[in-house]
């Protein structure tokens, strides 16, 4: 057993090492250049499309609204990485890590945009009449039969990784947070999670989308309001916090208090790695959810999908990072959720740790829901829709074991498989980048979403 553990530790160090980070960032930068930095310039437009996507057009095809699809994707990405991951990046890499997390997000917006465009472009309708898409279908239908093995590899990695990183690890985090804050036994939390998960997951994407459409905006706004209280209490420190972030992104961070100091390279590595872990740009998962969204154009879905990276990292992760900075707890020597908890307690003594525990629990629960759909579609690709009900039942049961067992090894394996998902996805993005660029040019040349509406109404598209 020790040999297996050592092997996965070694493999994990490789797949999440510098070469993978360079590959993910390089792919995103390449797509940004090919698209003329359109994803960045179109951020305001993207927010407008999110609002517009709450009601799909008459010619749109899909099971849920694009807005619900975005909320489903966000449910999987806005999770413990936004709280514990950001704290770890700052604790190890220093405040400068937050700057590199931002850079990862701006590059990753192009990656996420491309993933969603291809997922919708090459999606299929299964034998139950529902749309299915993602990197495996983009590879199969976009690259041809000689590349199908690559799509199969993605589905295997995703189908297995989901049970760890998207299910049991999240359940374990919820049970631990609830036990530490409120003293509730982990098995009790496990039973409650099984009931809640089953009630949503067994209803499929329509129920997952309906819950995500309500719960995700509520949890994001609630968390931002809580952090807003922290920033209000320490408002005078915000300018210094930003100055420190920008300065230490390019200069070594000196040791101070319990912080041991950090190099610029460590700040870059931790900021980039935690950024990728948080927003999942490059892993291909968002396209699976967006492929179920009702849309008549892949670019429309891509513009909505890319905003998930902006919301996840630029907004939610930044709020966490600023809270840690302005309260001064980043020099305490603590890391992870403990560090974030200290920030909450500094501004809201006696209640802060409970608010953070509640935020962690809700964030992790929505991740379980989002990844349930990802895993289901991976297994559907491998063995067909016959796997649907058995998968949902097994997924629900796995939550209990995740809440009650020690998962160090499971986390290691799942984290490794999660990284391996990126390789097939990035290859397909690079090979199919001409398709992404071509579709984008056609969309904006015809007037974008306004042109789509005009054509649907039988009018001449605007310019």
Protein backbone atom coordinates (compact mmCIF):
# COMPACT_ATOMS: atom_id res chain seq x y z
CA UNK A 1 0.00 0.00 0.00
CA UNK A 2 2.87 2.35 0.78
CA UNK A 3 4.30 1.71 -2.70
CA UNK A 4 0.95 2.67 -4.31
CA UNK A 5 0.72 5.79 -2.18
CA UNK A 6 4.29 6.79 -3.08
CA UNK A 7 3.59 6.16 -6.77
CA UNK A 8 0.53 8.42 -6.81
CA UNK A 9 2.40 11.07 -4.83
CA UNK A 10 5.14 10.99 -7.47
CA UNK A 11 2.61 11.03 -10.34
CA UNK A 12 0.66 13.85 -8.72
CA UNK A 13 3.81 15.94 -8.48
CA UNK A 14 4.33 15.48 -12.21
CA UNK A 15 0.78 16.09 -13.47
CA UNK A 16 0.32 19.16 -11.27
CA UNK A 17 3.90 20.32 -11.77
CA UNK A 18 5.37 23.16 -13.81
CA UNK A 19 4.94 21.46 -17.23
CA UNK A 20 1.17 21.08 -16.70
CA UNK A 21 0.82 24.64 -15.45
CA UNK A 22 2.77 25.91 -18.47
CA UNK A 23 0.58 23.81 -20.79
CA UNK A 24 -2.66 25.13 -19.31
CA UNK A 25 -1.50 28.75 -19.26
CA UNK A 26 0.11 28.44 -22.68
CA UNK A 27 -3.08 27.09 -24.22
CA UNK A 28 -5.11 29.91 -22.68
CA UNK A 29 -2.65 32.56 -23.85
CA UNK A 30 -2.58 31.05 -27.36
CA UNK A 31 -6.38 31.17 -27.55
CA UNK A 32 -6.41 34.75 -26.23
CA UNK A 33 -4.00 35.76 -28.99
CA UNK A 34 -5.96 33.90 -31.68
CA UNK A 35 -9.16 35.60 -30.49
CA UNK A 36 -7.56 39.04 -30.24
CA UNK A 37 -8.19 39.11 -26.47
CA UNK A 38 -11.92 39.12 -27.22
CA UNK A 39 -12.85 37.29 -23.96
CA UNK A 40 -11.35 40.13 -21.91
CA UNK A 41 -12.80 42.93 -24.02
CA UNK A 42 -16.22 41.26 -23.94
CA UNK A 43 -16.53 40.98 -20.14
CA UNK A 44 -19.30 43.64 -19.96
CA UNK A 45 -21.00 41.96 -22.92
CA UNK A 46 -20.71 38.62 -21.13
CA UNK A 47 -22.55 39.95 -18.07
CA UNK A 48 -25.29 41.23 -20.38
CA UNK A 49 -25.55 37.78 -21.98
CA UNK A 50 -25.86 36.16 -18.54
CA UNK A 51 -28.90 38.32 -17.83
CA UNK A 52 -30.29 37.62 -21.29
CA UNK A 53 -29.74 33.86 -20.92
CA UNK A 54 -32.36 33.48 -18.21
CA UNK A 55 -34.92 33.02 -21.00
CA UNK A 56 -33.59 31.19 -24.11
CA UNK A 57 -34.72 32.14 -27.61
CA UNK A 58 -37.43 30.38 -29.58
CA UNK A 59 -34.93 28.42 -31.70
CA UNK A 60 -32.77 27.36 -28.76
CA UNK A 61 -32.31 23.66 -28.08
CA UNK A 62 -31.42 22.22 -24.68
CA UNK A 63 -32.78 20.98 -21.37
CA UNK A 64 -32.16 24.02 -19.15
CA UNK A 65 -31.56 27.74 -19.65
CA UNK A 66 -27.97 28.86 -20.35
CA UNK A 67 -28.19 30.76 -17.04
CA UNK A 68 -29.01 27.53 -15.19
CA UNK A 69 -26.15 25.82 -17.05
CA UNK A 70 -23.76 28.55 -15.89
CA UNK A 71 -25.00 28.21 -12.32
CA UNK A 72 -24.50 24.42 -12.56
CA UNK A 73 -20.91 24.97 -13.73
CA UNK A 74 -20.35 27.55 -10.99
CA UNK A 75 -21.80 25.15 -8.43
CA UNK A 76 -18.91 22.82 -9.24
CA UNK A 77 -16.17 25.47 -9.32
CA UNK A 78 -17.15 27.83 -6.51
CA UNK A 79 -16.14 25.58 -3.66
CA UNK A 80 -13.51 25.00 -1.02
CA UNK A 81 -10.83 26.28 -3.40
CA UNK A 82 -12.30 29.77 -3.09
CA UNK A 83 -11.88 29.69 0.69
CA UNK A 84 -9.19 27.18 1.65
CA UNK A 85 -7.36 27.26 -1.70
CA UNK A 86 -6.87 31.03 -1.73
CA UNK A 87 -5.73 30.98 1.88
CA UNK A 88 -3.18 28.26 1.13
CA UNK A 89 -1.83 30.18 -1.86
CA UNK A 90 -1.26 33.29 0.27
CA UNK A 91 0.09 31.31 3.24
CA UNK A 92 2.73 29.61 1.09
CA UNK A 93 3.32 32.01 -1.80
CA UNK A 94 2.66 35.30 -0.04
CA UNK A 95 0.23 38.07 -1.06
CA UNK A 96 1.73 38.17 -4.57
CA UNK A 97 0.10 34.79 -5.26
CA UNK A 98 -3.24 36.57 -5.53
CA UNK A 99 -1.95 38.66 -8.44
CA UNK A 100 -0.90 35.54 -10.33
CA UNK A 101 -4.27 34.00 -9.58
CA UNK A 102 -5.83 36.98 -11.37
CA UNK A 103 -3.55 36.50 -14.36
CA UNK A 104 -4.52 32.84 -14.50
CA UNK A 105 -8.18 33.82 -14.58
CA UNK A 106 -7.80 36.33 -17.42
CA UNK A 107 -5.90 33.76 -19.48
CA UNK A 108 -8.31 31.03 -18.40
CA UNK A 109 -11.32 32.95 -19.68
CA UNK A 110 -10.20 32.16 -23.24
CA UNK A 111 -9.70 28.51 -22.31
CA UNK A 112 -13.15 28.27 -20.74
CA UNK A 113 -14.68 30.09 -23.70
CA UNK A 114 -13.13 27.62 -26.14
CA UNK A 115 -14.19 24.62 -24.07
CA UNK A 116 -17.82 25.68 -24.06
CA UNK A 117 -17.90 26.66 -27.75
CA UNK A 118 -16.60 23.23 -28.76
CA UNK A 119 -18.84 21.41 -26.29
CA UNK A 120 -21.99 23.02 -27.72
CA UNK A 121 -20.80 22.84 -31.34
CA UNK A 122 -20.18 19.09 -31.18
CA UNK A 123 -22.82 18.02 -28.66
CA UNK A 124 -25.13 15.08 -29.37
CA UNK A 125 -28.67 14.08 -28.45
CA UNK A 126 -28.74 10.80 -26.52
CA UNK A 127 -31.37 8.06 -26.79
CA UNK A 128 -33.43 9.81 -24.09
CA UNK A 129 -33.59 13.00 -26.11
CA UNK A 130 -31.22 14.98 -23.90
CA UNK A 131 -28.16 16.90 -25.09
CA UNK A 132 -24.74 15.62 -24.10
CA UNK A 133 -21.45 17.38 -24.72
CA UNK A 134 -17.99 18.10 -23.39
CA UNK A 135 -14.38 17.43 -24.40
CA UNK A 136 -15.10 13.76 -25.17
CA UNK A 137 -17.73 14.69 -27.75
CA UNK A 138 -15.63 17.54 -29.16
CA UNK A 139 -12.80 15.05 -29.69
CA UNK A 140 -15.07 12.38 -31.15
CA UNK A 141 -17.05 14.62 -33.52
CA UNK A 142 -14.47 17.34 -34.14
CA UNK A 143 -11.23 15.39 -34.53
CA UNK A 144 -12.61 12.15 -35.98
CA UNK A 145 -12.50 8.44 -35.21
CA UNK A 146 -8.70 8.24 -34.98
CA UNK A 147 -8.85 10.47 -31.90
CA UNK A 148 -11.75 8.75 -30.12
CA UNK A 149 -9.36 7.05 -27.72
CA UNK A 150 -8.47 10.48 -26.38
CA UNK A 151 -12.13 11.25 -25.69
CA UNK A 152 -12.45 7.90 -23.94
CA UNK A 153 -9.42 8.72 -21.78
CA UNK A 154 -11.03 12.02 -20.72
CA UNK A 155 -14.29 10.26 -19.82
CA UNK A 156 -12.47 7.62 -17.75
CA UNK A 157 -10.42 10.21 -15.87
CA UNK A 158 -13.49 12.38 -15.27
CA UNK A 159 -15.78 9.51 -14.36
CA UNK A 160 -13.37 8.26 -11.69
CA UNK A 161 -12.04 11.60 -10.45
CA UNK A 162 -15.56 12.83 -9.77
CA UNK A 163 -16.15 10.33 -6.98
CA UNK A 164 -13.12 11.68 -5.17
CA UNK A 165 -12.63 15.36 -5.81
CA UNK A 166 -16.27 16.11 -6.63
CA UNK A 167 -17.98 13.87 -4.09
CA UNK A 168 -16.25 12.22 -1.12
CA UNK A 169 -13.62 14.91 -0.58
CA UNK A 170 -16.34 17.59 -0.58
CA UNK A 171 -18.54 15.58 1.80
CA UNK A 172 -15.56 15.09 4.09
CA UNK A 173 -14.93 18.84 4.09
CA UNK A 174 -18.55 19.55 4.99
CA UNK A 175 -18.60 16.98 7.80
CA UNK A 176 -15.31 18.30 9.22
CA UNK A 177 -16.42 21.94 9.07
CA UNK A 178 -19.78 21.20 10.72
CA UNK A 179 -18.14 19.04 13.41
CA UNK A 180 -15.47 21.62 14.24
CA UNK A 181 -17.90 24.54 14.35
CA UNK A 182 -21.04 22.97 15.78
CA UNK A 183 -19.92 19.63 17.28
CA UNK A 184 -22.17 17.50 15.05
CA UNK A 185 -21.01 13.90 14.55
CA UNK A 186 -19.76 13.19 11.03
CA UNK A 187 -22.17 10.29 10.52
CA UNK A 188 -25.12 12.58 11.23
CA UNK A 189 -23.87 15.03 8.62
CA UNK A 190 -23.36 12.09 6.27
CA UNK A 191 -26.98 10.99 6.58
CA UNK A 192 -28.27 14.53 6.00
CA UNK A 193 -26.02 14.90 2.95
CA UNK A 194 -27.28 11.61 1.48
CA UNK A 195 -30.88 12.80 1.79
CA UNK A 196 -30.16 16.24 0.31
CA UNK A 197 -27.94 14.91 -2.47
CA UNK A 198 -30.37 12.18 -3.45
CA UNK A 199 -33.29 14.63 -3.54
CA UNK A 200 -31.45 16.70 -6.15
CA UNK A 201 -29.21 14.32 -8.08
CA UNK A 202 -31.84 11.63 -8.68
CA UNK A 203 -33.86 14.23 -10.58
CA UNK A 204 -31.16 14.69 -13.22
CA UNK A 205 -29.90 17.87 -14.89
CA UNK A 206 -33.26 19.66 -14.81
CA UNK A 207 -33.46 19.41 -11.03
CA UNK A 208 -29.73 20.10 -10.57
CA UNK A 209 -30.06 23.15 -12.80
CA UNK A 210 -33.17 24.36 -10.96
CA UNK A 211 -31.45 24.08 -7.56
CA UNK A 212 -28.22 25.63 -8.83
CA UNK A 213 -30.14 28.49 -10.44
CA UNK A 214 -31.46 29.45 -7.02
CA UNK A 215 -28.74 28.32 -4.62
CA UNK A 216 -25.54 29.46 -6.39
CA UNK A 217 -26.44 33.18 -6.70
CA UNK A 218 -27.69 33.10 -3.10
CA UNK A 219 -24.48 31.54 -1.75
CA UNK A 220 -22.17 33.80 -3.79
CA UNK A 221 -24.01 36.98 -2.81
CA UNK A 222 -24.23 35.83 0.83
CA UNK A 223 -20.49 35.12 0.96
CA UNK A 224 -19.63 38.44 -0.71
CA UNK A 225 -21.80 40.26 1.84
CA UNK A 226 -20.01 38.51 4.72
CA UNK A 227 -16.61 39.45 3.31
CA UNK A 228 -18.01 42.92 2.65
CA UNK A 229 -18.45 43.31 6.41
CA UNK A 230 -14.77 42.44 6.90
CA UNK A 231 -13.68 44.95 4.27
CA UNK A 232 -15.93 47.61 5.81
CA UNK A 233 -14.42 47.08 9.27
CA UNK A 234 -10.87 47.29 7.87
CA UNK A 235 -11.60 49.69 4.99
CA UNK A 236 -8.60 51.86 5.72
CA UNK A 237 -6.27 48.92 5.02
CA UNK A 238 -7.61 48.08 1.54
CA UNK A 239 -5.26 50.41 -0.43
CA UNK A 240 -2.22 48.99 1.41
CA UNK A 241 -3.46 45.44 0.74
CA UNK A 242 -3.58 46.06 -3.02
CA UNK A 243 -0.18 47.75 -2.93
CA UNK A 244 1.28 44.73 -1.12
CA UNK A 245 -0.27 42.28 -3.60
CA UNK A 246 1.15 44.11 -6.64
CA UNK A 247 4.56 44.71 -5.04
CA UNK A 248 5.11 41.18 -3.82
CA UNK A 249 3.97 39.63 -7.09
CA UNK A 250 7.38 40.66 -8.48
CA UNK A 251 9.52 40.78 -5.34
CA UNK A 252 10.38 38.14 -2.73
CA UNK A 253 8.11 38.21 0.32
CA UNK A 254 10.13 38.68 3.50
CA UNK A 255 9.51 36.57 6.57
CA UNK A 256 7.25 38.28 9.08
CA UNK A 257 5.40 36.96 12.11
CA UNK A 258 4.50 33.33 11.46
CA UNK A 259 5.03 33.70 7.70
CA UNK A 260 8.32 32.12 6.66
CA UNK A 261 8.86 34.17 3.52
CA UNK A 262 8.45 33.25 -0.15
CA UNK A 263 10.16 33.63 -3.50
CA UNK A 264 8.57 35.17 -6.60
CA UNK A 265 8.57 31.74 -8.26
CA UNK A 266 6.65 30.27 -5.32
CA UNK A 267 4.11 33.10 -5.55
CA UNK A 268 3.63 32.38 -9.26
CA UNK A 269 3.40 28.62 -8.81
CA UNK A 270 0.93 28.73 -5.92
CA UNK A 271 -1.17 31.50 -7.46
CA UNK A 272 -1.44 29.73 -10.80
CA UNK A 273 -2.03 26.26 -9.32
CA UNK A 274 -4.71 27.44 -6.89
CA UNK A 275 -6.32 29.56 -9.60
CA UNK A 276 -6.62 26.58 -11.94
CA UNK A 277 -7.89 24.38 -9.12
CA UNK A 278 -10.55 26.95 -8.27
CA UNK A 279 -11.96 27.89 -11.69
CA UNK A 280 -11.13 24.61 -13.53
CA UNK A 281 -10.23 26.46 -16.74
CA UNK A 282 -8.41 23.88 -18.85
CA UNK A 283 -10.05 20.82 -17.30
CA UNK A 284 -13.02 20.89 -19.71
CA UNK A 285 -15.76 20.41 -17.14
CA UNK A 286 -17.76 23.60 -17.80
CA UNK A 287 -18.54 22.51 -21.36
CA UNK A 288 -20.35 19.44 -20.04
CA UNK A 289 -22.83 21.62 -18.16
CA UNK A 290 -23.18 24.28 -20.86
CA UNK A 291 -23.91 21.61 -23.48
CA UNK A 292 -27.24 21.03 -21.72
CA UNK A 293 -28.11 24.74 -21.97
CA UNK A 294 -30.77 25.83 -24.45
CA UNK A 295 -28.96 27.80 -27.15
CA UNK A 296 -28.96 28.32 -30.90
CA UNK A 297 -25.29 29.34 -31.11
CA UNK A 298 -22.14 27.86 -29.50
CA UNK A 299 -20.52 31.31 -29.19
CA UNK A 300 -23.45 32.61 -27.15
CA UNK A 301 -22.90 29.74 -24.70
CA UNK A 302 -19.15 30.33 -24.73
CA UNK A 303 -19.56 33.97 -23.76
CA UNK A 304 -21.74 32.94 -20.83
CA UNK A 305 -19.47 30.06 -19.83
CA UNK A 306 -16.29 32.16 -19.75
CA UNK A 307 -17.90 34.46 -17.18
CA UNK A 308 -17.79 31.57 -14.71
CA UNK A 309 -14.01 32.00 -14.51
CA UNK A 310 -14.36 35.74 -13.94
CA UNK A 311 -16.97 35.31 -11.20
CA UNK A 312 -15.14 32.44 -9.51
CA UNK A 313 -11.65 33.91 -9.40
CA UNK A 314 -11.75 37.65 -10.01
CA UNK A 315 -14.72 38.20 -7.70
CA UNK A 316 -15.06 35.40 -5.11
CA UNK A 317 -11.37 34.48 -4.72
CA UNK A 318 -10.37 38.15 -4.60
CA UNK A 319 -12.85 38.77 -1.79
CA UNK A 320 -11.30 35.95 0.23
CA UNK A 321 -7.77 37.16 -0.46
CA UNK A 322 -8.56 40.74 0.53
CA UNK A 323 -10.22 39.58 3.76
CA UNK A 324 -7.06 37.68 4.68
CA UNK A 325 -4.87 40.63 3.76
CA UNK A 326 -6.72 43.50 5.47
CA UNK A 327 -7.15 41.61 8.74
CA UNK A 328 -3.41 40.91 8.82
CA UNK A 329 -3.86 37.22 9.63
CA UNK A 330 -1.80 36.14 6.61
CA UNK A 331 1.32 36.47 8.79
CA UNK A 332 -0.06 34.16 11.51
CA UNK A 333 1.51 31.01 10.12
CA UNK A 334 -1.89 29.33 9.64
CA UNK A 335 -3.06 27.97 6.28
CA UNK A 336 -6.17 26.74 4.48
CA UNK A 337 -9.62 27.14 5.97
CA UNK A 338 -8.10 27.91 9.38
CA UNK A 339 -6.52 31.07 7.97
CA UNK A 340 -9.79 32.17 6.37
CA UNK A 341 -11.59 31.47 9.64
CA UNK A 342 -9.14 33.74 11.46
CA UNK A 343 -9.97 36.55 9.02
CA UNK A 344 -13.69 36.16 9.65
CA UNK A 345 -13.18 36.07 13.41
CA UNK A 346 -11.00 39.19 13.32
CA UNK A 347 -13.91 41.24 11.97
CA UNK A 348 -16.82 39.33 13.51
CA UNK A 349 -15.65 37.85 16.84
CA UNK A 350 -17.75 34.95 18.08
CA UNK A 351 -19.75 34.49 14.87
CA UNK A 352 -17.16 34.70 12.10
CA UNK A 353 -16.03 31.09 12.34
CA UNK A 354 -19.63 29.88 12.17
CA UNK A 355 -20.35 31.96 9.09
CA UNK A 356 -17.24 30.59 7.39
CA UNK A 357 -18.16 27.01 8.33
CA UNK A 358 -21.64 27.53 6.86
CA UNK A 359 -20.11 29.01 3.69
CA UNK A 360 -17.74 26.06 3.34
CA UNK A 361 -20.59 23.60 3.77
CA UNK A 362 -22.80 25.24 1.14
CA UNK A 363 -19.91 25.73 -1.30
CA UNK A 364 -18.89 22.08 -0.99
CA UNK A 365 -22.47 20.82 -1.29
CA UNK A 366 -23.03 22.65 -4.57
CA UNK A 367 -19.77 21.17 -5.84
CA UNK A 368 -21.21 17.70 -5.18
CA UNK A 369 -24.25 18.59 -7.29
CA UNK A 370 -22.28 20.05 -10.19
CA UNK A 371 -19.81 17.18 -10.33
CA UNK A 372 -22.66 14.67 -10.20
CA UNK A 373 -23.69 15.81 -13.67
CA UNK A 374 -20.10 15.83 -14.94
CA UNK A 375 -19.54 12.27 -13.75
CA UNK A 376 -22.88 11.08 -15.12
CA UNK A 377 -22.11 12.37 -18.62
CA UNK A 378 -18.63 10.83 -18.55
CA UNK A 379 -20.09 7.41 -17.77
CA UNK A 380 -22.88 7.91 -20.29
CA UNK A 381 -20.23 8.49 -22.94
CA UNK A 382 -18.48 5.26 -21.95
CA UNK A 383 -21.40 2.85 -21.49
CA UNK A 384 -24.55 4.67 -22.60
CA UNK A 385 -27.62 6.03 -20.81
CA UNK A 386 -28.12 2.67 -19.08
CA UNK A 387 -25.58 3.93 -16.51
CA UNK A 388 -27.72 6.92 -15.53
CA UNK A 389 -29.76 5.59 -12.60
CA UNK A 390 -27.07 3.27 -11.16
CA UNK A 391 -24.59 6.16 -11.26
CA UNK A 392 -26.96 8.55 -9.45
CA UNK A 393 -27.63 5.99 -6.72
CA UNK A 394 -23.94 5.14 -6.30
CA UNK A 395 -23.06 8.85 -6.26
CA UNK A 396 -25.57 9.50 -3.49
CA UNK A 397 -24.32 6.59 -1.38
CA UNK A 398 -20.67 7.64 -1.83
CA UNK A 399 -21.44 10.92 -0.06
CA UNK A 400 -21.97 9.10 3.26
CA UNK A 401 -18.63 7.28 3.05
CA UNK A 402 -16.92 10.53 2.14
CA UNK A 403 -18.33 12.22 5.22
CA UNK A 404 -17.28 9.47 7.63
CA UNK A 405 -13.95 8.08 6.34
CA UNK A 406 -10.37 9.32 6.18
CA UNK A 407 -9.71 10.26 2.57
CA UNK A 408 -6.04 11.19 2.28
CA UNK A 409 -5.33 8.52 -0.33
CA UNK A 410 -8.65 9.06 -2.15
CA UNK A 411 -7.85 12.76 -2.39
CA UNK A 412 -4.41 12.02 -3.82
CA UNK A 413 -5.77 9.69 -6.51
CA UNK A 414 -8.67 11.94 -7.42
CA UNK A 415 -6.47 15.02 -7.62
CA UNK A 416 -4.13 13.14 -9.98
CA UNK A 417 -6.99 11.98 -12.22
CA UNK A 418 -8.41 15.50 -12.17
CA UNK A 419 -5.17 16.83 -13.64
CA UNK A 420 -5.06 14.08 -16.25
CA UNK A 421 -8.45 15.29 -17.52
CA UNK A 422 -6.72 18.45 -18.72
CA UNK A 423 -4.43 16.71 -21.22
CA UNK A 424 -7.09 15.42 -23.68
CA UNK A 425 -9.03 18.67 -23.30
CA UNK A 426 -6.04 20.91 -24.03
CA UNK A 427 -5.05 18.84 -27.06
CA UNK A 428 -8.55 19.19 -28.52
CA UNK A 429 -8.57 22.95 -27.82
CA UNK A 430 -5.30 23.46 -29.67
CA UNK A 431 -6.24 21.27 -32.65
CA UNK A 432 -9.75 22.72 -32.94
CA UNK A 433 -8.75 26.35 -32.29
CA UNK A 434 -9.46 27.29 -35.95
CA UNK A 435 -13.08 26.21 -35.40
CA UNK A 436 -13.33 28.37 -32.27
CA UNK A 437 -11.95 31.41 -34.10
CA UNK A 438 -14.13 30.88 -37.16
CA UNK A 439 -17.35 30.53 -35.17
CA UNK A 440 -16.47 33.62 -33.14
CA UNK A 441 -15.88 35.75 -36.21
CA UNK A 442 -19.15 34.62 -37.79
CA UNK A 443 -21.10 35.36 -34.63
CA UNK A 444 -19.88 38.91 -34.15
CA UNK A 445 -19.92 39.69 -37.88
CA UNK A 446 -23.65 38.86 -37.89
CA UNK A 447 -24.42 41.15 -34.96
CA UNK A 448 -23.93 38.75 -32.05
CA UNK A 449 -26.89 38.05 -29.81
CA UNK A 450 -28.78 41.01 -31.25
CA UNK A 451 -28.37 39.55 -34.71
CA UNK A 452 -29.63 36.17 -33.48
CA UNK A 453 -32.75 37.86 -32.10
CA UNK A 454 -33.30 39.78 -35.32
CA UNK A 455 -33.08 36.65 -37.46
CA UNK A 456 -35.40 34.78 -35.13
CA UNK A 457 -37.93 37.58 -35.58
CA UNK A 458 -37.51 37.48 -39.35
CA UNK A 459 -35.79 40.88 -39.47
CA UNK A 460 -32.49 41.91 -40.99
CA UNK A 461 -29.67 41.35 -38.48
CA UNK A 462 -28.13 44.48 -36.99
CA UNK A 463 -24.53 45.48 -37.29
